[in-house]
PDB file of N, CA and C in Angstrom:
ATOM      1  N   UNK A   1      26.938   6.197 -10.356  1.00  0.00           N
ATOM      2  CA  UNK A   1      26.385   5.080  -9.612  1.00  0.00           C
ATOM      3  C   UNK A   1      24.862   5.213  -9.571  1.00  0.00           C
ATOM      4  N   UNK A   2      24.209   4.154  -9.889  1.00  0.00           N
ATOM      5  CA  UNK A   2      22.741   4.156  -9.906  1.00  0.00           C
ATOM      6  C   UNK A   2      22.207   3.926  -8.501  1.00  0.00           C
ATOM      7  N   UNK A   3      21.251   4.747  -8.112  1.00  0.00           N
ATOM      8  CA  UNK A   3      20.634   4.614  -6.791  1.00  0.00           C
ATOM      9  C   UNK A   3      19.343   3.826  -6.927  1.00  0.00           C
ATOM     10  N   UNK A   4      19.127   2.913  -5.989  1.00  0.00           N
ATOM     11  CA  UNK A   4      17.908   2.121  -5.994  1.00  0.00           C
ATOM     12  C   UNK A   4      16.735   2.913  -5.465  1.00  0.00           C
ATOM     13  N   UNK A   5      15.520   2.401  -5.650  1.00  0.00           N
ATOM     14  CA  UNK A   5      14.323   3.115  -5.189  1.00  0.00           C
ATOM     15  C   UNK A   5      14.313   3.310  -3.679  1.00  0.00           C
ATOM     16  N   UNK A   6      14.921   2.363  -2.929  1.00  0.00           N
ATOM     17  CA  UNK A   6      14.936   2.498  -1.475  1.00  0.00           C
ATOM     18  C   UNK A   6      15.761   3.711  -1.062  1.00  0.00           C
ATOM     19  N   UNK A   7      16.918   3.913  -1.689  1.00  0.00           N
ATOM     20  CA  UNK A   7      17.770   5.053  -1.346  1.00  0.00           C
ATOM     21  C   UNK A   7      17.087   6.361  -1.735  1.00  0.00           C
ATOM     22  N   UNK A   8      16.437   6.379  -2.907  1.00  0.00           N
ATOM     23  CA  UNK A   8      15.724   7.596  -3.317  1.00  0.00           C
ATOM     24  C   UNK A   8      14.590   7.903  -2.348  1.00  0.00           C
ATOM     25  N   UNK A   9      13.895   6.861  -1.882  1.00  0.00           N
ATOM     26  CA  UNK A   9      12.822   7.037  -0.907  1.00  0.00           C
ATOM     27  C   UNK A   9      13.382   7.628   0.381  1.00  0.00           C
ATOM     28  N   UNK A  10      14.507   7.108   0.841  1.00  0.00           N
ATOM     29  CA  UNK A  10      15.121   7.615   2.067  1.00  0.00           C
ATOM     30  C   UNK A  10      15.522   9.073   1.903  1.00  0.00           C
ATOM     31  N   UNK A  11      16.081   9.423   0.764  1.00  0.00           N
ATOM     32  CA  UNK A  11      16.486  10.806   0.514  1.00  0.00           C
ATOM     33  C   UNK A  11      15.282  11.738   0.463  1.00  0.00           C
ATOM     34  N   UNK A  12      14.216  11.291  -0.187  1.00  0.00           N
ATOM     35  CA  UNK A  12      12.999  12.096  -0.277  1.00  0.00           C
ATOM     36  C   UNK A  12      12.402  12.297   1.111  1.00  0.00           C
ATOM     37  N   UNK A  13      12.365  11.227   1.889  1.00  0.00           N
ATOM     38  CA  UNK A  13      11.821  11.328   3.239  1.00  0.00           C
ATOM     39  C   UNK A  13      12.642  12.301   4.080  1.00  0.00           C
ATOM     40  N   UNK A  14      13.965  12.215   3.956  1.00  0.00           N
ATOM     41  CA  UNK A  14      14.826  13.100   4.723  1.00  0.00           C
ATOM     42  C   UNK A  14      14.624  14.557   4.310  1.00  0.00           C
ATOM     43  N   UNK A  15      14.377  14.792   3.022  1.00  0.00           N
ATOM     44  CA  UNK A  15      14.213  16.152   2.525  1.00  0.00           C
ATOM     45  C   UNK A  15      12.898  16.793   2.973  1.00  0.00           C
ATOM     46  N   UNK A  16      11.779  16.057   2.901  1.00  0.00           N
ATOM     47  CA  UNK A  16      10.495  16.685   3.230  1.00  0.00           C
ATOM     48  C   UNK A  16       9.496  15.778   3.921  1.00  0.00           C
ATOM     49  N   UNK A  17       9.932  14.629   4.408  1.00  0.00           N
ATOM     50  CA  UNK A  17       9.034  13.747   5.130  1.00  0.00           C
ATOM     51  C   UNK A  17       7.998  13.058   4.248  1.00  0.00           C
ATOM     52  N   UNK A  18       8.120  13.202   2.940  1.00  0.00           N
ATOM     53  CA  UNK A  18       7.203  12.599   1.974  1.00  0.00           C
ATOM     54  C   UNK A  18       5.786  13.138   2.051  1.00  0.00           C
ATOM     55  N   UNK A  19       5.543  14.121   2.899  1.00  0.00           N
ATOM     56  CA  UNK A  19       4.184  14.622   3.066  1.00  0.00           C
ATOM     57  C   UNK A  19       3.593  15.118   1.760  1.00  0.00           C
ATOM     58  N   UNK A  20       4.368  15.810   0.968  1.00  0.00           N
ATOM     59  CA  UNK A  20       3.826  16.390  -0.265  1.00  0.00           C
ATOM     60  C   UNK A  20       3.407  15.331  -1.269  1.00  0.00           C
ATOM     61  N   UNK A  21       4.032  14.175  -1.226  1.00  0.00           N
ATOM     62  CA  UNK A  21       3.700  13.095  -2.152  1.00  0.00           C
ATOM     63  C   UNK A  21       2.917  11.999  -1.451  1.00  0.00           C
ATOM     64  N   UNK A  22       3.360  11.608  -0.262  1.00  0.00           N
ATOM     65  CA  UNK A  22       2.801  10.452   0.418  1.00  0.00           C
ATOM     66  C   UNK A  22       1.354  10.578   0.830  1.00  0.00           C
ATOM     67  N   UNK A  23       0.985  11.701   1.428  1.00  0.00           N
ATOM     68  CA  UNK A  23      -0.390  11.841   1.914  1.00  0.00           C
ATOM     69  C   UNK A  23      -1.396  11.858   0.768  1.00  0.00           C
ATOM     70  N   UNK A  24      -1.180  12.629  -0.298  1.00  0.00           N
ATOM     71  CA  UNK A  24      -2.133  12.556  -1.414  1.00  0.00           C
ATOM     72  C   UNK A  24      -2.211  11.155  -2.042  1.00  0.00           C
ATOM     73  N   UNK A  25      -1.072  10.473  -2.141  1.00  0.00           N
ATOM     74  CA  UNK A  25      -1.083   9.117  -2.703  1.00  0.00           C
ATOM     75  C   UNK A  25      -1.856   8.161  -1.807  1.00  0.00           C
ATOM     76  N   UNK A  26      -1.615   8.222  -0.491  1.00  0.00           N
ATOM     77  CA  UNK A  26      -2.354   7.368   0.432  1.00  0.00           C
ATOM     78  C   UNK A  26      -3.851   7.643   0.356  1.00  0.00           C
ATOM     79  N   UNK A  27      -4.237   8.903   0.299  1.00  0.00           N
ATOM     80  CA  UNK A  27      -5.661   9.255   0.218  1.00  0.00           C
ATOM     81  C   UNK A  27      -6.278   8.669  -1.043  1.00  0.00           C
ATOM     82  N   UNK A  28      -5.576   8.750  -2.167  1.00  0.00           N
ATOM     83  CA  UNK A  28      -6.101   8.196  -3.418  1.00  0.00           C
ATOM     84  C   UNK A  28      -6.228   6.682  -3.339  1.00  0.00           C
ATOM     85  N   UNK A  29      -5.254   6.016  -2.749  1.00  0.00           N
ATOM     86  CA  UNK A  29      -5.289   4.554  -2.615  1.00  0.00           C
ATOM     87  C   UNK A  29      -6.463   4.129  -1.746  1.00  0.00           C
ATOM     88  N   UNK A  30      -6.626   4.779  -0.588  1.00  0.00           N
ATOM     89  CA  UNK A  30      -7.723   4.415   0.306  1.00  0.00           C
ATOM     90  C   UNK A  30      -9.085   4.707  -0.304  1.00  0.00           C
ATOM     91  N   UNK A  31      -9.228   5.818  -0.994  1.00  0.00           N
ATOM     92  CA  UNK A  31     -10.512   6.161  -1.619  1.00  0.00           C
ATOM     93  C   UNK A  31     -10.881   5.123  -2.669  1.00  0.00           C
ATOM     94  N   UNK A  32      -9.927   4.714  -3.490  1.00  0.00           N
ATOM     95  CA  UNK A  32     -10.201   3.685  -4.506  1.00  0.00           C
ATOM     96  C   UNK A  32     -10.539   2.346  -3.860  1.00  0.00           C
ATOM     97  N   UNK A  33      -9.768   1.964  -2.857  1.00  0.00           N
ATOM     98  CA  UNK A  33     -10.005   0.690  -2.189  1.00  0.00           C
ATOM     99  C   UNK A  33     -11.373   0.678  -1.513  1.00  0.00           C
ATOM    100  N   UNK A  34     -11.722   1.767  -0.840  1.00  0.00           N
ATOM    101  CA  UNK A  34     -13.005   1.823  -0.141  1.00  0.00           C
ATOM    102  C   UNK A  34     -14.176   1.736  -1.102  1.00  0.00           C
ATOM    103  N   UNK A  35     -14.046   2.337  -2.273  1.00  0.00           N
ATOM    104  CA  UNK A  35     -15.141   2.262  -3.255  1.00  0.00           C
ATOM    105  C   UNK A  35     -15.294   0.855  -3.819  1.00  0.00           C
ATOM    106  N   UNK A  36     -14.223   0.076  -3.797  1.00  0.00           N
ATOM    107  CA  UNK A  36     -14.271  -1.279  -4.341  1.00  0.00           C
ATOM    108  C   UNK A  36     -14.867  -2.284  -3.349  1.00  0.00           C
ATOM    109  N   UNK A  37     -15.004  -1.883  -2.094  1.00  0.00           N
ATOM    110  CA  UNK A  37     -15.498  -2.780  -1.048  1.00  0.00           C
ATOM    111  C   UNK A  37     -16.970  -2.490  -0.791  1.00  0.00           C
ATOM    112  N   UNK A  38     -17.747  -3.548  -0.673  1.00  0.00           N
ATOM    113  CA  UNK A  38     -19.169  -3.423  -0.359  1.00  0.00           C
ATOM    114  C   UNK A  38     -19.348  -2.893   1.062  1.00  0.00           C
ATOM    115  N   UNK A  39     -20.473  -2.234   1.358  1.00  0.00           N
ATOM    116  CA  UNK A  39     -20.742  -1.853   2.743  1.00  0.00           C
ATOM    117  C   UNK A  39     -20.650  -3.084   3.652  1.00  0.00           C
ATOM    118  N   UNK A  40     -20.088  -2.905   4.801  1.00  0.00           N
ATOM    119  CA  UNK A  40     -19.757  -3.942   5.779  1.00  0.00           C
ATOM    120  C   UNK A  40     -18.558  -4.786   5.374  1.00  0.00           C
ATOM    121  N   UNK A  41     -17.977  -4.504   4.217  1.00  0.00           N
ATOM    122  CA  UNK A  41     -16.746  -5.181   3.805  1.00  0.00           C
ATOM    123  C   UNK A  41     -15.561  -4.598   4.550  1.00  0.00           C
ATOM    124  N   UNK A  42     -14.461  -5.319   4.538  1.00  0.00           N
ATOM    125  CA  UNK A  42     -13.295  -4.887   5.299  1.00  0.00           C
ATOM    126  C   UNK A  42     -12.077  -4.680   4.405  1.00  0.00           C
ATOM    127  N   UNK A  43     -11.248  -3.749   4.825  1.00  0.00           N
ATOM    128  CA  UNK A  43      -9.940  -3.501   4.229  1.00  0.00           C
ATOM    129  C   UNK A  43      -8.925  -3.786   5.332  1.00  0.00           C
ATOM    130  N   UNK A  44      -7.921  -4.593   5.038  1.00  0.00           N
ATOM    131  CA  UNK A  44      -6.951  -4.974   6.048  1.00  0.00           C
ATOM    132  C   UNK A  44      -5.558  -4.605   5.557  1.00  0.00           C
ATOM    133  N   UNK A  45      -4.802  -3.894   6.396  1.00  0.00           N
ATOM    134  CA  UNK A  45      -3.454  -3.450   6.043  1.00  0.00           C
ATOM    135  C   UNK A  45      -2.499  -3.886   7.141  1.00  0.00           C
ATOM    136  N   UNK A  46      -1.367  -4.384   6.732  1.00  0.00           N
ATOM    137  CA  UNK A  46      -0.330  -4.707   7.709  1.00  0.00           C
ATOM    138  C   UNK A  46       0.978  -4.074   7.272  1.00  0.00           C
ATOM    139  N   UNK A  47       1.866  -3.933   8.230  1.00  0.00           N
ATOM    140  CA  UNK A  47       3.178  -3.368   7.943  1.00  0.00           C
ATOM    141  C   UNK A  47       4.174  -3.955   8.910  1.00  0.00           C
ATOM    142  N   UNK A  48       5.315  -4.264   8.374  1.00  0.00           N
ATOM    143  CA  UNK A  48       6.393  -4.745   9.219  1.00  0.00           C
ATOM    144  C   UNK A  48       7.711  -4.238   8.675  1.00  0.00           C
ATOM    145  N   UNK A  49       8.678  -4.171   9.535  1.00  0.00           N
ATOM    146  CA  UNK A  49      10.037  -3.775   9.166  1.00  0.00           C
ATOM    147  C   UNK A  49      10.978  -4.789   9.792  1.00  0.00           C
ATOM    148  N   UNK A  50      11.872  -5.287   9.017  1.00  0.00           N
ATOM    149  CA  UNK A  50      12.875  -6.196   9.579  1.00  0.00           C
ATOM    150  C   UNK A  50      13.835  -5.396  10.429  1.00  0.00           C
ATOM    151  N   UNK A  51      14.190  -5.919  11.564  1.00  0.00           N
ATOM    152  CA  UNK A  51      15.178  -5.267  12.438  1.00  0.00           C
ATOM    153  C   UNK A  51      16.461  -5.000  11.657  1.00  0.00           C
ATOM    154  N   UNK A  52      16.794  -5.884  10.750  1.00  0.00           N
ATOM    155  CA  UNK A  52      17.988  -5.725   9.921  1.00  0.00           C
ATOM    156  C   UNK A  52      17.976  -4.397   9.164  1.00  0.00           C
ATOM    157  N   UNK A  53      16.830  -4.037   8.622  1.00  0.00           N
ATOM    158  CA  UNK A  53      16.738  -2.816   7.832  1.00  0.00           C
ATOM    159  C   UNK A  53      17.034  -1.555   8.647  1.00  0.00           C
ATOM    160  N   UNK A  54      16.675  -1.571   9.932  1.00  0.00           N
ATOM    161  CA  UNK A  54      16.842  -0.376  10.756  1.00  0.00           C
ATOM    162  C   UNK A  54      18.300   0.034  10.901  1.00  0.00           C
ATOM    163  N   UNK A  55      19.232  -0.891  10.706  1.00  0.00           N
ATOM    164  CA  UNK A  55      20.649  -0.579  10.801  1.00  0.00           C
ATOM    165  C   UNK A  55      21.267  -0.080   9.508  1.00  0.00           C
ATOM    166  N   UNK A  56      20.515  -0.056   8.424  1.00  0.00           N
ATOM    167  CA  UNK A  56      21.047   0.385   7.142  1.00  0.00           C
ATOM    168  C   UNK A  56      21.000   1.907   7.051  1.00  0.00           C
ATOM    169  N   UNK A  57      22.071   2.507   6.548  1.00  0.00           N
ATOM    170  CA  UNK A  57      22.136   3.973   6.518  1.00  0.00           C
ATOM    171  C   UNK A  57      21.120   4.613   5.589  1.00  0.00           C
ATOM    172  N   UNK A  58      20.638   3.896   4.595  1.00  0.00           N
ATOM    173  CA  UNK A  58      19.703   4.481   3.636  1.00  0.00           C
ATOM    174  C   UNK A  58      18.249   4.200   3.992  1.00  0.00           C
ATOM    175  N   UNK A  59      18.003   3.351   4.969  1.00  0.00           N
ATOM    176  CA  UNK A  59      16.631   2.933   5.271  1.00  0.00           C
ATOM    177  C   UNK A  59      15.949   3.955   6.171  1.00  0.00           C
ATOM    178  N   UNK A  60      14.834   4.542   5.717  1.00  0.00           N
ATOM    179  CA  UNK A  60      14.138   5.552   6.537  1.00  0.00           C
ATOM    180  C   UNK A  60      13.264   4.898   7.603  1.00  0.00           C
ATOM    181  N   UNK A  61      13.899   4.388   8.661  1.00  0.00           N
ATOM    182  CA  UNK A  61      13.175   3.682   9.713  1.00  0.00           C
ATOM    183  C   UNK A  61      12.071   4.495  10.340  1.00  0.00           C
ATOM    184  N   UNK A  62      12.313   5.789  10.543  1.00  0.00           N
ATOM    185  CA  UNK A  62      11.289   6.658  11.123  1.00  0.00           C
ATOM    186  C   UNK A  62      10.031   6.682  10.260  1.00  0.00           C
ATOM    187  N   UNK A  63      10.214   6.752   8.955  1.00  0.00           N
ATOM    188  CA  UNK A  63       9.086   6.738   8.028  1.00  0.00           C
ATOM    189  C   UNK A  63       8.335   5.414   8.114  1.00  0.00           C
ATOM    190  N   UNK A  64       9.046   4.309   8.015  1.00  0.00           N
ATOM    191  CA  UNK A  64       8.386   3.012   7.977  1.00  0.00           C
ATOM    192  C   UNK A  64       7.748   2.644   9.304  1.00  0.00           C
ATOM    193  N   UNK A  65       8.368   3.022  10.419  1.00  0.00           N
ATOM    194  CA  UNK A  65       7.766   2.732  11.718  1.00  0.00           C
ATOM    195  C   UNK A  65       6.496   3.537  11.943  1.00  0.00           C
ATOM    196  N   UNK A  66       6.348   4.665  11.269  1.00  0.00           N
ATOM    197  CA  UNK A  66       5.170   5.496  11.424  1.00  0.00           C
ATOM    198  C   UNK A  66       4.159   5.341  10.302  1.00  0.00           C
ATOM    199  N   UNK A  67       4.333   4.343   9.440  1.00  0.00           N
ATOM    200  CA  UNK A  67       3.478   4.233   8.261  1.00  0.00           C
ATOM    201  C   UNK A  67       2.024   3.914   8.587  1.00  0.00           C
ATOM    202  N   UNK A  68       1.763   2.957   9.446  1.00  0.00           N
ATOM    203  CA  UNK A  68       0.371   2.626   9.773  1.00  0.00           C
ATOM    204  C   UNK A  68      -0.318   3.786  10.503  1.00  0.00           C
ATOM    205  N   UNK A  69       0.317   4.449  11.476  1.00  0.00           N
ATOM    206  CA  UNK A  69      -0.357   5.606  12.075  1.00  0.00           C
ATOM    207  C   UNK A  69      -0.671   6.711  11.053  1.00  0.00           C
ATOM    208  N   UNK A  70       0.252   6.959  10.131  1.00  0.00           N
ATOM    209  CA  UNK A  70      -0.004   7.952   9.085  1.00  0.00           C
ATOM    210  C   UNK A  70      -1.150   7.493   8.182  1.00  0.00           C
ATOM    211  N   UNK A  71      -1.121   6.225   7.780  1.00  0.00           N
ATOM    212  CA  UNK A  71      -2.186   5.681   6.929  1.00  0.00           C
ATOM    213  C   UNK A  71      -3.533   5.749   7.643  1.00  0.00           C
ATOM    214  N   UNK A  72      -3.547   5.466   8.940  1.00  0.00           N
ATOM    215  CA  UNK A  72      -4.793   5.527   9.728  1.00  0.00           C
ATOM    216  C   UNK A  72      -5.355   6.949   9.710  1.00  0.00           C
ATOM    217  N   UNK A  73      -4.495   7.914   9.942  1.00  0.00           N
ATOM    218  CA  UNK A  73      -4.924   9.316   9.942  1.00  0.00           C
ATOM    219  C   UNK A  73      -5.523   9.704   8.597  1.00  0.00           C
ATOM    220  N   UNK A  74      -4.879   9.308   7.523  1.00  0.00           N
ATOM    221  CA  UNK A  74      -5.367   9.638   6.183  1.00  0.00           C
ATOM    222  C   UNK A  74      -6.680   8.917   5.904  1.00  0.00           C
ATOM    223  N   UNK A  75      -6.737   7.621   6.158  1.00  0.00           N
ATOM    224  CA  UNK A  75      -7.922   6.818   5.835  1.00  0.00           C
ATOM    225  C   UNK A  75      -9.157   7.312   6.585  1.00  0.00           C
ATOM    226  N   UNK A  76      -8.994   7.641   7.858  1.00  0.00           N
ATOM    227  CA  UNK A  76     -10.145   8.043   8.658  1.00  0.00           C
ATOM    228  C   UNK A  76     -10.554   9.492   8.422  1.00  0.00           C
ATOM    229  N   UNK A  77      -9.757  10.232   7.646  1.00  0.00           N
ATOM    230  CA  UNK A  77     -10.123  11.619   7.324  1.00  0.00           C
ATOM    231  C   UNK A  77     -10.858  11.732   5.981  1.00  0.00           C
ATOM    232  N   UNK A  78     -11.000  10.619   5.265  1.00  0.00           N
ATOM    233  CA  UNK A  78     -11.657  10.648   3.955  1.00  0.00           C
ATOM    234  C   UNK A  78     -13.174  10.783   4.088  1.00  0.00           C
ATOM    235  N   UNK A  79     -13.821  11.289   3.050  1.00  0.00           N
ATOM    236  CA  UNK A  79     -15.282  11.371   3.100  1.00  0.00           C
ATOM    237  C   UNK A  79     -15.965  10.011   2.968  1.00  0.00           C
ATOM    238  N   UNK A  80     -15.242   8.980   2.588  1.00  0.00           N
ATOM    239  CA  UNK A  80     -15.783   7.623   2.507  1.00  0.00           C
ATOM    240  C   UNK A  80     -15.972   7.117   3.937  1.00  0.00           C
ATOM    241  N   UNK A  81     -17.095   6.491   4.213  1.00  0.00           N
ATOM    242  CA  UNK A  81     -17.396   6.040   5.570  1.00  0.00           C
ATOM    243  C   UNK A  81     -16.595   4.791   5.918  1.00  0.00           C
ATOM    244  N   UNK A  82     -15.509   4.980   6.636  1.00  0.00           N
ATOM    245  CA  UNK A  82     -14.678   3.876   7.107  1.00  0.00           C
ATOM    246  C   UNK A  82     -14.598   3.936   8.623  1.00  0.00           C
ATOM    247  N   UNK A  83     -14.648   2.763   9.236  1.00  0.00           N
ATOM    248  CA  UNK A  83     -14.569   2.675  10.692  1.00  0.00           C
ATOM    249  C   UNK A  83     -13.498   1.655  11.022  1.00  0.00           C
ATOM    250  N   UNK A  84     -12.606   2.004  11.931  1.00  0.00           N
ATOM    251  CA  UNK A  84     -11.548   1.053  12.296  1.00  0.00           C
ATOM    252  C   UNK A  84     -12.075   0.050  13.300  1.00  0.00           C
ATOM    253  N   UNK A  85     -11.734  -1.197  13.082  1.00  0.00           N
ATOM    254  CA  UNK A  85     -12.007  -2.271  14.040  1.00  0.00           C
ATOM    255  C   UNK A  85     -10.662  -2.909  14.358  1.00  0.00           C
ATOM    256  N   UNK A  86     -10.495  -3.380  15.554  1.00  0.00           N
ATOM    257  CA  UNK A  86      -9.230  -4.008  15.935  1.00  0.00           C
ATOM    258  C   UNK A  86      -9.514  -5.418  16.427  1.00  0.00           C
ATOM    259  N   UNK A  87      -9.360  -6.407  15.554  1.00  0.00           N
ATOM    260  CA  UNK A  87      -9.564  -7.790  15.994  1.00  0.00           C
ATOM    261  C   UNK A  87      -8.580  -8.151  17.112  1.00  0.00           C
ATOM    262  N   UNK A  88      -9.043  -8.957  18.039  1.00  0.00           N
ATOM    263  CA  UNK A  88      -8.211  -9.372  19.163  1.00  0.00           C
ATOM    264  C   UNK A  88      -6.921 -10.014  18.651  1.00  0.00           C
ATOM    265  N   UNK A  89      -5.831  -9.631  19.261  1.00  0.00           N
ATOM    266  CA  UNK A  89      -4.543 -10.208  18.904  1.00  0.00           C
ATOM    267  C   UNK A  89      -3.730  -9.404  17.901  1.00  0.00           C
ATOM    268  N   UNK A  90      -4.349  -8.404  17.281  1.00  0.00           N
ATOM    269  CA  UNK A  90      -3.599  -7.585  16.328  1.00  0.00           C
ATOM    270  C   UNK A  90      -3.067  -6.334  17.019  1.00  0.00           C
ATOM    271  N   UNK A  91      -1.828  -6.025  16.758  1.00  0.00           N
ATOM    272  CA  UNK A  91      -1.188  -4.835  17.307  1.00  0.00           C
ATOM    273  C   UNK A  91      -1.471  -3.657  16.386  1.00  0.00           C
ATOM    274  N   UNK A  92      -2.107  -2.618  16.880  1.00  0.00           N
ATOM    275  CA  UNK A  92      -2.500  -1.460  16.057  1.00  0.00           C
ATOM    276  C   UNK A  92      -1.297  -0.713  15.479  1.00  0.00           C
ATOM    277  N   UNK A  93      -0.106  -0.910  16.033  1.00  0.00           N
ATOM    278  CA  UNK A  93       1.068  -0.256  15.445  1.00  0.00           C
ATOM    279  C   UNK A  93       1.389  -0.846  14.073  1.00  0.00           C
ATOM    280  N   UNK A  94       1.016  -2.105  13.855  1.00  0.00           N
ATOM    281  CA  UNK A  94       1.415  -2.801  12.629  1.00  0.00           C
ATOM    282  C   UNK A  94       0.244  -3.248  11.775  1.00  0.00           C
ATOM    283  N   UNK A  95      -0.961  -3.163  12.296  1.00  0.00           N
ATOM    284  CA  UNK A  95      -2.162  -3.593  11.564  1.00  0.00           C
ATOM    285  C   UNK A  95      -3.223  -2.510  11.606  1.00  0.00           C
ATOM    286  N   UNK A  96      -3.985  -2.429  10.538  1.00  0.00           N
ATOM    287  CA  UNK A  96      -5.138  -1.545  10.501  1.00  0.00           C
ATOM    288  C   UNK A  96      -6.235  -2.280   9.724  1.00  0.00           C
ATOM    289  N   UNK A  97      -7.369  -2.449  10.364  1.00  0.00           N
ATOM    290  CA  UNK A  97      -8.519  -3.089   9.728  1.00  0.00           C
ATOM    291  C   UNK A  97      -9.644  -2.062   9.704  1.00  0.00           C
ATOM    292  N   UNK A  98     -10.113  -1.748   8.511  1.00  0.00           N
ATOM    293  CA  UNK A  98     -11.163  -0.749   8.320  1.00  0.00           C
ATOM    294  C   UNK A  98     -12.398  -1.427   7.772  1.00  0.00           C
ATOM    295  N   UNK A  99     -13.553  -1.070   8.291  1.00  0.00           N
ATOM    296  CA  UNK A  99     -14.823  -1.587   7.790  1.00  0.00           C
ATOM    297  C   UNK A  99     -15.535  -0.458   7.095  1.00  0.00           C
ATOM    298  N   UNK A 100     -16.045  -0.729   5.912  1.00  0.00           N
ATOM    299  CA  UNK A 100     -16.829   0.286   5.221  1.00  0.00           C
ATOM    300  C   UNK A 100     -18.240   0.243   5.772  1.00  0.00           C
ATOM    301  N   UNK A 101     -18.719   1.401   6.219  1.00  0.00           N
ATOM    302  CA  UNK A 101     -20.057   1.437   6.835  1.00  0.00           C
ATOM    303  C   UNK A 101     -21.085   1.923   5.841  1.00  0.00           C
TER     304      UNK A 101
END
């Protein structure tokens, strides 16, 4: 039986929390994105999970619910000058807006 990428992701997350792969990948993505943005430019990230997905046995809800906080930690630890701004009305659990300084 062929397993889809979602099931493999859930299995990987369960095995090691994706830290060994996820954090270096996130750091590389943010570093590239930040270099592509002019100073005072913004990077905007959102994340959502359908309530439906949380009931699926293969869906790593813990991973997905913690994705923006993990991404925030990685992005703000980079040597690229990024500053988080929170526009009114956005929930920081699901949105992250970074300004390149």
